[in-house]
Each structure stands twice: as structure tokens, then as C-alpha cells.
Protein backbone atom coordinates (compact mmCIF):
# COMPACT_ATOMS: atom_id res chain seq x y z
CA MET A 1 -13.60 10.79 -20.07
CA GLU A 2 -12.58 11.56 -17.18
CA GLU A 3 -8.72 9.90 -16.49
CA LYS A 4 -9.11 6.53 -14.51
CA ARG A 5 -6.41 5.66 -12.12
CA LEU A 6 -5.48 2.73 -9.53
CA ILE A 7 -3.22 4.26 -6.54
CA PHE A 8 -1.60 2.03 -4.48
CA VAL A 9 -0.53 3.59 -0.68
CA THR A 10 2.46 2.11 -0.55
CA SER A 11 5.14 1.21 1.82
CA PRO A 12 7.28 -0.53 4.44
CA PRO A 13 4.77 -1.02 7.95
CA ALA A 14 4.38 2.23 10.22
CA CYS A 15 5.16 4.92 7.51
CA GLY A 16 1.60 5.92 7.24
CA LYS A 17 -0.59 4.72 5.05
CA THR A 18 -3.87 3.96 6.68
CA ARG A 19 -3.71 7.07 7.96
CA LEU A 20 -2.98 8.70 4.51
CA ALA A 21 -5.09 6.85 2.49
CA LYS A 22 -7.59 7.61 4.89
CA LYS A 23 -7.26 11.11 4.72
CA PHE A 24 -6.83 11.27 1.25
CA ALA A 25 -10.30 10.05 0.62
CA ARG A 26 -12.29 11.92 2.99
CA GLU A 27 -10.37 14.71 0.97
CA VAL A 28 -10.95 13.22 -2.72
CA LYS A 29 -14.31 13.13 -4.56
CA HIS A 30 -15.92 9.54 -5.70
CA ILE A 31 -12.86 7.82 -5.24
CA VAL A 32 -13.29 3.42 -3.97
CA TYR A 33 -10.96 3.00 -0.67
CA LEU A 34 -9.70 -0.65 -0.09
CA ASP A 35 -7.19 -1.78 2.58
CA LYS A 36 -5.86 -4.81 2.56
CA ASP A 37 -5.72 -5.06 6.24
CA THR A 38 -9.75 -5.70 6.07
CA LEU A 39 -8.95 -9.40 5.71
CA ILE A 40 -7.19 -9.71 8.29
CA PRO A 41 -10.21 -11.91 10.72
CA LEU A 42 -10.49 -14.00 6.94
CA SER A 43 -6.43 -14.45 7.17
CA LYS A 44 -6.79 -15.13 10.93
CA GLN A 45 -9.44 -17.48 10.28
CA ILE A 46 -7.16 -20.09 8.03
CA PHE A 47 -4.16 -19.48 11.01
CA ALA A 48 -6.76 -21.29 13.23
CA VAL A 49 -8.52 -23.57 10.90
CA ALA A 50 -4.49 -24.68 10.02
CA GLY A 51 -3.86 -25.26 13.50
CA GLN A 52 -1.02 -22.54 13.06
CA PRO A 53 0.18 -19.94 15.44
CA TYR A 54 -0.69 -15.91 14.72
CA ASN A 55 2.11 -15.12 13.27
CA ARG A 56 2.01 -12.82 9.82
CA SER A 57 5.81 -13.05 9.47
CA SER A 58 5.56 -17.07 9.19
CA ASP A 59 6.53 -19.71 6.74
CA PHE A 60 2.74 -19.97 6.73
CA PHE A 61 1.69 -16.88 6.05
CA GLU A 62 4.16 -16.53 3.19
CA LYS A 63 2.91 -19.63 2.02
CA GLU A 64 -0.86 -19.76 2.10
CA ILE A 65 -2.02 -16.61 2.66
CA ARG A 66 0.54 -13.78 1.80
CA ASP A 67 -0.41 -13.74 -1.86
CA TYR A 68 -4.06 -14.46 -1.66
CA GLU A 69 -4.74 -11.48 -0.48
CA TYR A 70 -2.92 -9.22 -2.58
CA ASP A 71 -5.09 -11.31 -5.08
CA VAL A 72 -8.25 -10.71 -4.07
CA VAL A 73 -8.03 -6.78 -3.02
CA LEU A 74 -6.65 -6.11 -6.81
CA ASP A 75 -9.46 -8.48 -7.27
CA LEU A 76 -11.77 -6.07 -5.80
CA ALA A 77 -10.06 -2.65 -7.27
CA PHE A 78 -10.49 -3.95 -10.52
CA GLU A 79 -13.98 -4.35 -10.32
CA ALA A 80 -14.49 -0.71 -8.92
CA LEU A 81 -12.87 0.11 -11.44
CA LYS A 82 -15.97 -0.31 -13.71
CA TYR A 83 -18.04 1.89 -11.26
CA GLU A 84 -15.88 4.49 -10.33
CA ASN A 85 -12.70 6.29 -11.27
CA LEU A 86 -10.68 6.29 -8.80
CA VAL A 87 -9.70 3.47 -6.82
CA MET A 88 -7.33 3.41 -3.83
CA VAL A 89 -5.74 0.49 -2.72
CA ASN A 90 -3.75 1.00 1.10
CA ALA A 91 -1.01 -2.28 1.38
CA PRO A 92 2.40 -2.78 1.32
CA PHE A 93 3.32 -4.11 -2.12
CA THR A 94 6.84 -4.66 -0.85
CA ARG A 95 8.12 -6.79 -3.45
CA GLU A 96 5.06 -6.44 -6.10
CA ILE A 97 6.47 -2.18 -6.54
CA ARG A 98 9.78 -3.68 -7.12
CA ASP A 99 8.94 -6.88 -9.16
CA ASP A 100 9.22 -4.99 -12.69
CA GLU A 101 7.23 -8.19 -14.37
CA TYR A 102 4.94 -8.14 -12.31
CA ILE A 103 3.92 -3.84 -12.72
CA LYS A 104 4.79 -4.21 -16.04
CA ASN A 105 1.64 -7.14 -16.30
CA LEU A 106 -0.55 -4.90 -13.50
CA ARG A 107 0.05 -1.66 -16.53
CA ALA A 108 -1.38 -3.96 -19.27
CA LYS A 109 -3.90 -5.36 -17.09
CA LEU A 110 -5.13 -1.74 -16.45
CA ALA A 111 -4.93 0.07 -20.11
CA GLU A 112 -7.65 -2.70 -20.99
CA HIS A 113 -9.38 -1.18 -18.27
CA ASP A 114 -8.61 2.46 -19.46
CA ALA A 115 -6.74 2.75 -16.22
CA LYS A 116 -3.44 3.70 -15.52
CA LEU A 117 -1.54 3.34 -12.33
CA SER A 118 -0.22 5.71 -9.51
CA VAL A 119 1.81 4.53 -6.32
CA ILE A 120 2.05 7.17 -4.02
CA TRP A 121 5.31 6.10 -1.55
CA ILE A 122 5.36 7.12 1.92
CA VAL A 123 8.92 7.78 2.69
CA THR A 124 9.23 7.68 6.65
CA ASP A 125 12.59 7.19 8.69
CA PRO A 126 12.67 3.91 9.95
CA GLU A 127 12.96 4.70 13.42
CA VAL A 128 9.77 6.97 13.27
CA CYS A 129 8.31 4.34 11.67
CA HIS A 130 9.70 1.90 14.81
CA GLN A 131 7.34 4.05 17.30
CA ARG A 132 5.08 4.40 15.82
CA MET A 133 4.73 0.89 15.35
CA ILE A 134 5.17 0.34 18.95
CA ASP A 135 2.04 3.14 19.65
CA ARG A 136 -0.46 1.53 17.82
CA ASP A 137 -0.03 -1.97 19.67
CA SER A 138 -0.50 -3.85 17.06
CA ASP A 139 -0.66 -7.92 17.46
CA ARG A 140 0.87 -7.83 13.25
CA ASP A 141 3.89 -6.06 14.74
CA THR A 142 5.00 -9.07 17.27
CA TRP A 143 7.15 -10.35 16.02
CA LYS A 144 8.75 -7.16 14.19
CA LEU A 145 9.26 -5.25 17.40
CA GLU A 146 10.95 -8.93 18.88
CA HIS A 147 13.05 -9.20 16.20
CA TRP A 148 13.56 -5.85 15.07
CA ASP A 149 16.97 -5.51 13.60
CA GLU A 150 16.63 -8.82 12.05
CA TYR A 151 13.24 -7.34 10.48
CA LEU A 152 14.55 -4.45 9.44
CA ALA A 153 17.38 -6.46 7.52
CA SER A 154 15.15 -7.67 5.30
CA VAL A 155 12.74 -4.04 4.78
CA ASN A 156 14.00 -2.06 1.72
CA PHE A 157 12.67 1.37 3.10
CA THR A 158 14.45 2.47 -0.55
CA ILE A 159 12.67 4.64 -3.00
CA PRO A 160 11.42 2.50 -5.88
CA GLU A 161 12.32 4.41 -8.40
CA ASN A 162 11.98 1.56 -10.83
CA LEU A 163 8.48 2.62 -10.81
CA ARG A 164 8.81 6.41 -12.72
CA ASP A 165 7.62 6.81 -15.80
CA GLU A 166 8.97 9.54 -17.77
CA ASN A 167 5.58 9.98 -19.66
CA ASP A 168 3.01 9.85 -16.40
CA GLU A 169 4.04 12.31 -13.81
CA LYS A 170 1.37 10.82 -11.79
CA SER A 171 2.74 6.72 -12.00
CA LEU A 172 5.50 7.86 -8.46
CA ILE A 173 4.26 10.15 -5.85
CA LEU A 174 6.01 10.65 -3.13
CA TYR A 175 4.78 11.75 0.36
CA TYR A 176 7.26 12.27 3.06
CA ASN A 177 6.09 11.47 6.22
CA SER A 178 9.11 11.70 9.54
CA THR A 179 7.23 14.54 10.48
CA ASP A 180 4.01 16.08 10.40
CA GLU A 181 5.19 19.48 8.49
CA MET A 182 6.52 17.31 6.37
CA ALA A 183 3.98 15.51 5.98
CA ASP A 184 1.55 18.13 5.24
CA LYS A 185 3.31 20.10 2.73
CA SER A 186 3.32 15.87 0.99
CA PHE A 187 -0.12 16.06 1.00
CA GLU A 188 -0.89 19.69 -0.06
CA LYS A 189 1.04 18.80 -3.51
CA LEU A 190 -0.93 15.10 -3.44
CA MET A 191 -4.09 17.24 -3.88
CA GLU A 192 -2.80 19.06 -6.30
CA TYR A 193 -2.02 16.08 -8.40
CA PHE A 194 -5.66 14.89 -8.17
CA GLN A 195 -7.45 18.40 -7.90
CA ASN A 196 -8.61 18.02 -11.50
CA VAL A 197 -9.77 14.32 -11.65
């Protein structure tokens, strides 16, 4: 039986998750691609119905929307694992990946589906992320750019080594993405991990 994997492509915002995830999905055969940002139109409607300004850094978002977005995209991922061996989720998972209990429970649930977790962590210089955020000109970044120092202080760019499983070389895969040259080399290594899956 071929190996089943739930793959997270994750990092702080604007590190290059979507670009990498879509490129990876194009190159790897038989993979389901899920992007948490697909849920944003639904989340915008929740803001509107609640009479709240659209702000994905607000207390309202944190309390009423954030965790539900993650729950839904993971429910979709587990459903997809019934039909395909590789399922990739493009999302920050900012808190989740550093929560050992969360990861333990997720791996246990995956084991029930004969699947394992792989996390591709994108390593990018914060100032590169800043410029990319400016360039992409998205309303989801408005508050972040207007309060850059405050936002930066709240984001953890360090590698989440707690995810590394010494018995699984694909448990944590680092993808260096501050320059195109670094990204190209990292992509070659990434493909080596999954070329035979």
C-alpha cells in the first residue's frame, strides 16, 4: 500500500506558502490541494452579518472565526484522505504547529487513517515577507502593514523543531525561500522526498 500523508505547507504570512503549494501540487501526481484562504469569502460574510469591520487581526476574528476555518479545512482534508494518498493544506497553522498536544492528537487521528503528518516549513527573512506583503496588496494584510512592528513582534519565524520526528524524515521539511536561488534548491530537495510516494 502506498504511503498516505497529510502535508501542511506553513509559515508566517507572505513567506511564499501559496506559490510553493501550487507549484508542488502541479508537480506531484495524485494530490488533493486545499487552501484555507478559499474560506475567506465565507468569513467575510460572517463579519458582514455580525456588523463587524473586516479585520482578520481583530478579537472578533480570533473568537468567532479563526479556529472554525482550521476545523473546516482539516475536516475536508480527512475526507480527502479517504480517496487520495496525498492531501496538502496551505495554511499558517501559526499556533497549532507549536502546540505539542495538538500535534500529538492530530498524528493519532491520522494514524487511525493509516496516514502520517508532514510539515513543510517555509524559512523566509521577515523583511522579504514585508516586501511581498506590500507587493501582493491584499486587504487581509491592511492591519499588518499599518502596524508592522506590532505585527512582527507577534509572529514567530523560528523553525518549529518540535515537529521533528526522528523516525520520520518527512515529518519536518525546511524550504528556504528568501531568494529564488534558495527556493529552487529547496524545491529540488522537496521533490526528492515525494517523488516515489
